[in-house]
């Protein structure tokens, strides 16, 4: 038995897909990050048109320069309670890719923090929490400047079935 197999440190091989520049954002006190390659723009919170009978995390749609895009409430998607929106609340417009097509979507966050380079040495896999399901869109944990940021794969945030059901998709 090799030494590395006998002493599992919990650190896994870092996928090259997780390395790169990330935009950090807040949900409460927690910091999350998404690849800047998926980010199209950051806009101030605007009037969102609610659509009946959508999942709780679908806030509605927004007319963004003549294109209707779905808006996802990241607090709700992550199982966090709603809070009163503050001056830093914004919408990150991202470009989802899947099924050979791409479409824009907005995610409501409590605020944005920074753009940072994340290297292989900064990333660890999501820890196991004893039987709890880890969502596939959580790619890992980045340790930067004495902070921990949860890496989110925006393309896995919603399943294909959820994407098809979104208004504007």
C-alpha atoms as a PDB file:
ATOM      1  CA  UNK A   1       0.000   0.000   0.000  1.00  0.00           C
ATOM      2  CA  UNK A   2       1.392   3.401  -0.922  1.00  0.00           C
ATOM      3  CA  UNK A   3       1.886   6.077   1.683  1.00  0.00           C
ATOM      4  CA  UNK A   4      -0.618   8.388  -0.011  1.00  0.00           C
ATOM      5  CA  UNK A   5      -3.302   5.695   0.083  1.00  0.00           C
ATOM      6  CA  UNK A   6      -2.654   4.937   3.750  1.00  0.00           C
ATOM      7  CA  UNK A   7      -2.837   8.568   4.834  1.00  0.00           C
ATOM      8  CA  UNK A   8      -5.676  10.271   3.006  1.00  0.00           C
ATOM      9  CA  UNK A   9      -5.408  13.981   3.726  1.00  0.00           C
ATOM     10  CA  UNK A  10      -8.801  14.710   2.212  1.00  0.00           C
ATOM     11  CA  UNK A  11      -7.105  16.735  -0.511  1.00  0.00           C
ATOM     12  CA  UNK A  12      -8.022  15.527  -3.972  1.00  0.00           C
ATOM     13  CA  UNK A  13      -6.443  16.191  -7.335  1.00  0.00           C
ATOM     14  CA  UNK A  14      -7.519  19.604  -8.521  1.00  0.00           C
ATOM     15  CA  UNK A  15      -9.329  19.645 -11.839  1.00  0.00           C
ATOM     16  CA  UNK A  16      -7.950  22.258 -14.260  1.00  0.00           C
ATOM     17  CA  UNK A  17     -11.567  23.415 -14.692  1.00  0.00           C
ATOM     18  CA  UNK A  18     -11.476  24.796 -11.135  1.00  0.00           C
ATOM     19  CA  UNK A  19      -8.341  26.905 -11.656  1.00  0.00           C
ATOM     20  CA  UNK A  20      -8.647  30.495 -12.874  1.00  0.00           C
ATOM     21  CA  UNK A  21     -10.204  33.884 -12.131  1.00  0.00           C
ATOM     22  CA  UNK A  22     -13.295  34.018  -9.939  1.00  0.00           C
ATOM     23  CA  UNK A  23     -15.792  36.722  -9.034  1.00  0.00           C
ATOM     24  CA  UNK A  24     -16.594  36.547  -5.323  1.00  0.00           C
ATOM     25  CA  UNK A  25     -20.034  37.423  -3.980  1.00  0.00           C
ATOM     26  CA  UNK A  26     -21.753  37.396  -0.621  1.00  0.00           C
ATOM     27  CA  UNK A  27     -24.837  35.627   0.638  1.00  0.00           C
ATOM     28  CA  UNK A  28     -25.046  36.834   4.208  1.00  0.00           C
ATOM     29  CA  UNK A  29     -21.625  36.375   5.791  1.00  0.00           C
ATOM     30  CA  UNK A  30     -20.651  33.555   3.452  1.00  0.00           C
ATOM     31  CA  UNK A  31     -18.528  34.159   0.377  1.00  0.00           C
ATOM     32  CA  UNK A  32     -19.074  32.276  -2.858  1.00  0.00           C
ATOM     33  CA  UNK A  33     -17.245  32.549  -6.176  1.00  0.00           C
ATOM     34  CA  UNK A  34     -18.013  31.857  -9.834  1.00  0.00           C
ATOM     35  CA  UNK A  35     -15.694  31.784 -12.822  1.00  0.00           C
ATOM     36  CA  UNK A  36     -15.391  35.193 -14.455  1.00  0.00           C
ATOM     37  CA  UNK A  37     -15.638  33.481 -17.842  1.00  0.00           C
ATOM     38  CA  UNK A  38     -19.364  32.963 -17.121  1.00  0.00           C
ATOM     39  CA  UNK A  39     -19.977  36.552 -15.954  1.00  0.00           C
ATOM     40  CA  UNK A  40     -21.387  38.981 -18.515  1.00  0.00           C
ATOM     41  CA  UNK A  41     -22.088  41.963 -16.280  1.00  0.00           C
ATOM     42  CA  UNK A  42     -23.121  43.117 -12.819  1.00  0.00           C
ATOM     43  CA  UNK A  43     -26.195  45.341 -12.597  1.00  0.00           C
ATOM     44  CA  UNK A  44     -28.040  47.093  -9.800  1.00  0.00           C
ATOM     45  CA  UNK A  45     -31.157  45.381  -8.497  1.00  0.00           C
ATOM     46  CA  UNK A  46     -34.113  46.270 -10.704  1.00  0.00           C
ATOM     47  CA  UNK A  47     -37.821  45.642 -10.933  1.00  0.00           C
ATOM     48  CA  UNK A  48     -38.295  41.900 -11.415  1.00  0.00           C
ATOM     49  CA  UNK A  49     -41.533  40.573 -12.885  1.00  0.00           C
ATOM     50  CA  UNK A  50     -42.734  37.585 -10.873  1.00  0.00           C
ATOM     51  CA  UNK A  51     -44.006  34.551 -12.772  1.00  0.00           C
ATOM     52  CA  UNK A  52     -46.691  32.394 -11.097  1.00  0.00           C
ATOM     53  CA  UNK A  53     -46.060  28.761 -10.200  1.00  0.00           C
ATOM     54  CA  UNK A  54     -42.279  28.866 -10.532  1.00  0.00           C
ATOM     55  CA  UNK A  55     -39.953  27.174  -8.027  1.00  0.00           C
ATOM     56  CA  UNK A  56     -39.353  29.313  -4.929  1.00  0.00           C
ATOM     57  CA  UNK A  57     -35.798  30.189  -6.010  1.00  0.00           C
ATOM     58  CA  UNK A  58     -36.989  31.640  -9.357  1.00  0.00           C
ATOM     59  CA  UNK A  59     -37.556  35.276  -8.554  1.00  0.00           C
ATOM     60  CA  UNK A  60     -39.016  36.026 -11.987  1.00  0.00           C
ATOM     61  CA  UNK A  61     -37.806  37.689 -15.168  1.00  0.00           C
ATOM     62  CA  UNK A  62     -36.114  40.931 -16.085  1.00  0.00           C
ATOM     63  CA  UNK A  63     -36.162  42.883 -19.338  1.00  0.00           C
ATOM     64  CA  UNK A  64     -32.470  43.501 -19.948  1.00  0.00           C
ATOM     65  CA  UNK A  65     -32.055  45.738 -22.988  1.00  0.00           C
ATOM     66  CA  UNK A  66     -34.930  44.068 -24.816  1.00  0.00           C
ATOM     67  CA  UNK A  67     -34.085  40.471 -23.829  1.00  0.00           C
ATOM     68  CA  UNK A  68     -36.129  38.722 -21.151  1.00  0.00           C
ATOM     69  CA  UNK A  69     -33.859  36.776 -18.796  1.00  0.00           C
ATOM     70  CA  UNK A  70     -34.754  34.558 -15.828  1.00  0.00           C
ATOM     71  CA  UNK A  71     -33.645  35.725 -12.383  1.00  0.00           C
ATOM     72  CA  UNK A  72     -32.581  33.232  -9.699  1.00  0.00           C
ATOM     73  CA  UNK A  73     -32.510  34.188  -6.013  1.00  0.00           C
ATOM     74  CA  UNK A  74     -29.229  32.639  -4.826  1.00  0.00           C
ATOM     75  CA  UNK A  75     -30.248  32.834  -1.164  1.00  0.00           C
ATOM     76  CA  UNK A  76     -33.270  30.652  -1.847  1.00  0.00           C
ATOM     77  CA  UNK A  77     -31.366  28.304  -4.167  1.00  0.00           C
ATOM     78  CA  UNK A  78     -28.817  27.752  -1.384  1.00  0.00           C
ATOM     79  CA  UNK A  79     -31.516  27.259   1.274  1.00  0.00           C
ATOM     80  CA  UNK A  80     -30.861  30.556   3.070  1.00  0.00           C
ATOM     81  CA  UNK A  81     -33.644  32.753   4.440  1.00  0.00           C
ATOM     82  CA  UNK A  82     -34.679  35.951   2.669  1.00  0.00           C
ATOM     83  CA  UNK A  83     -33.400  39.202   4.132  1.00  0.00           C
ATOM     84  CA  UNK A  84     -34.146  42.826   3.407  1.00  0.00           C
ATOM     85  CA  UNK A  85     -32.186  43.953   0.385  1.00  0.00           C
ATOM     86  CA  UNK A  86     -29.437  46.443   1.020  1.00  0.00           C
ATOM     87  CA  UNK A  87     -27.535  48.946  -1.099  1.00  0.00           C
ATOM     88  CA  UNK A  88     -25.007  46.279  -2.161  1.00  0.00           C
ATOM     89  CA  UNK A  89     -27.652  43.824  -3.429  1.00  0.00           C
ATOM     90  CA  UNK A  90     -27.149  43.276  -7.145  1.00  0.00           C
ATOM     91  CA  UNK A  91     -27.736  40.941 -10.058  1.00  0.00           C
ATOM     92  CA  UNK A  92     -24.847  39.090 -11.647  1.00  0.00           C
ATOM     93  CA  UNK A  93     -25.754  38.337 -15.262  1.00  0.00           C
ATOM     94  CA  UNK A  94     -24.156  35.054 -16.291  1.00  0.00           C
ATOM     95  CA  UNK A  95     -24.114  33.051 -19.504  1.00  0.00           C
ATOM     96  CA  UNK A  96     -25.153  29.432 -18.977  1.00  0.00           C
ATOM     97  CA  UNK A  97     -23.876  26.838 -21.419  1.00  0.00           C
ATOM     98  CA  UNK A  98     -25.514  23.482 -22.006  1.00  0.00           C
ATOM     99  CA  UNK A  99     -27.142  21.279 -24.627  1.00  0.00           C
ATOM    100  CA  UNK A 100     -25.144  23.040 -27.318  1.00  0.00           C
ATOM    101  CA  UNK A 101     -26.662  26.435 -26.579  1.00  0.00           C
ATOM    102  CA  UNK A 102     -26.070  29.336 -24.247  1.00  0.00           C
ATOM    103  CA  UNK A 103     -28.463  31.725 -22.596  1.00  0.00           C
ATOM    104  CA  UNK A 104     -28.227  34.560 -20.088  1.00  0.00           C
ATOM    105  CA  UNK A 105     -29.555  34.333 -16.552  1.00  0.00           C
ATOM    106  CA  UNK A 106     -29.367  36.695 -13.603  1.00  0.00           C
ATOM    107  CA  UNK A 107     -28.531  35.696 -10.046  1.00  0.00           C
ATOM    108  CA  UNK A 108     -29.469  37.951  -7.137  1.00  0.00           C
ATOM    109  CA  UNK A 109     -26.710  38.193  -4.524  1.00  0.00           C
ATOM    110  CA  UNK A 110     -26.203  40.294  -1.392  1.00  0.00           C
ATOM    111  CA  UNK A 111     -23.109  41.956  -2.847  1.00  0.00           C
ATOM    112  CA  UNK A 112     -19.944  41.369  -4.844  1.00  0.00           C
ATOM    113  CA  UNK A 113     -16.489  41.309  -3.323  1.00  0.00           C
ATOM    114  CA  UNK A 114     -13.557  40.931  -5.710  1.00  0.00           C
ATOM    115  CA  UNK A 115     -12.036  39.140  -8.667  1.00  0.00           C
ATOM    116  CA  UNK A 116      -9.271  36.793  -7.578  1.00  0.00           C
ATOM    117  CA  UNK A 117      -6.959  34.246  -9.164  1.00  0.00           C
ATOM    118  CA  UNK A 118      -7.459  30.765  -7.750  1.00  0.00           C
ATOM    119  CA  UNK A 119      -4.578  28.308  -8.166  1.00  0.00           C
ATOM    120  CA  UNK A 120      -4.465  24.554  -7.613  1.00  0.00           C
ATOM    121  CA  UNK A 121      -2.861  25.073  -4.187  1.00  0.00           C
ATOM    122  CA  UNK A 122      -5.799  27.236  -3.077  1.00  0.00           C
ATOM    123  CA  UNK A 123      -8.515  24.621  -3.747  1.00  0.00           C
ATOM    124  CA  UNK A 124      -9.799  21.718  -1.699  1.00  0.00           C
ATOM    125  CA  UNK A 125     -12.765  19.466  -2.428  1.00  0.00           C
ATOM    126  CA  UNK A 126     -16.008  19.995  -0.567  1.00  0.00           C
ATOM    127  CA  UNK A 127     -15.777  18.223   2.792  1.00  0.00           C
ATOM    128  CA  UNK A 128     -17.996  15.218   3.510  1.00  0.00           C
ATOM    129  CA  UNK A 129     -20.700  16.011   6.040  1.00  0.00           C
ATOM    130  CA  UNK A 130     -21.820  12.518   6.987  1.00  0.00           C
ATOM    131  CA  UNK A 131     -24.693  11.431   4.776  1.00  0.00           C
ATOM    132  CA  UNK A 132     -25.754  14.888   3.667  1.00  0.00           C
ATOM    133  CA  UNK A 133     -26.092  15.401  -0.069  1.00  0.00           C
ATOM    134  CA  UNK A 134     -23.542  17.806  -1.488  1.00  0.00           C
ATOM    135  CA  UNK A 135     -24.984  19.716  -4.398  1.00  0.00           C
ATOM    136  CA  UNK A 136     -23.199  19.105  -7.705  1.00  0.00           C
ATOM    137  CA  UNK A 137     -22.865  22.834  -8.370  1.00  0.00           C
ATOM    138  CA  UNK A 138     -20.520  23.228  -5.368  1.00  0.00           C
ATOM    139  CA  UNK A 139     -17.072  22.585  -6.897  1.00  0.00           C
ATOM    140  CA  UNK A 140     -14.879  23.033  -3.873  1.00  0.00           C
ATOM    141  CA  UNK A 141     -13.447  25.430  -1.327  1.00  0.00           C
ATOM    142  CA  UNK A 142     -10.859  28.098  -2.121  1.00  0.00           C
ATOM    143  CA  UNK A 143      -8.639  29.433   0.643  1.00  0.00           C
ATOM    144  CA  UNK A 144      -7.579  32.980  -0.205  1.00  0.00           C
ATOM    145  CA  UNK A 145      -6.157  35.651   2.099  1.00  0.00           C
ATOM    146  CA  UNK A 146      -7.306  33.859   5.271  1.00  0.00           C
ATOM    147  CA  UNK A 147     -10.835  33.596   3.843  1.00  0.00           C
ATOM    148  CA  UNK A 148     -12.787  30.617   2.616  1.00  0.00           C
ATOM    149  CA  UNK A 149     -14.818  30.935  -0.588  1.00  0.00           C
ATOM    150  CA  UNK A 150     -17.219  28.304  -1.851  1.00  0.00           C
ATOM    151  CA  UNK A 151     -16.670  27.698  -5.569  1.00  0.00           C
ATOM    152  CA  UNK A 152     -19.875  27.423  -7.606  1.00  0.00           C
ATOM    153  CA  UNK A 153     -20.128  25.950 -11.112  1.00  0.00           C
ATOM    154  CA  UNK A 154     -22.830  28.198 -12.508  1.00  0.00           C
ATOM    155  CA  UNK A 155     -23.528  25.705 -15.318  1.00  0.00           C
ATOM    156  CA  UNK A 156     -24.512  23.064 -12.759  1.00  0.00           C
ATOM    157  CA  UNK A 157     -26.585  25.408 -10.587  1.00  0.00           C
ATOM    158  CA  UNK A 158     -29.749  24.254 -12.318  1.00  0.00           C
ATOM    159  CA  UNK A 159     -30.500  20.856 -13.820  1.00  0.00           C
ATOM    160  CA  UNK A 160     -31.425  20.628 -17.509  1.00  0.00           C
ATOM    161  CA  UNK A 161     -35.062  20.091 -16.482  1.00  0.00           C
ATOM    162  CA  UNK A 162     -35.001  23.227 -14.330  1.00  0.00           C
ATOM    163  CA  UNK A 163     -33.397  25.245 -17.135  1.00  0.00           C
ATOM    164  CA  UNK A 164     -36.035  24.214 -19.668  1.00  0.00           C
ATOM    165  CA  UNK A 165     -38.768  25.279 -17.217  1.00  0.00           C
ATOM    166  CA  UNK A 166     -37.333  28.776 -16.753  1.00  0.00           C
ATOM    167  CA  UNK A 167     -39.171  31.664 -18.350  1.00  0.00           C
ATOM    168  CA  UNK A 168     -37.055  33.191 -21.089  1.00  0.00           C
ATOM    169  CA  UNK A 169     -35.061  29.991 -21.615  1.00  0.00           C
END
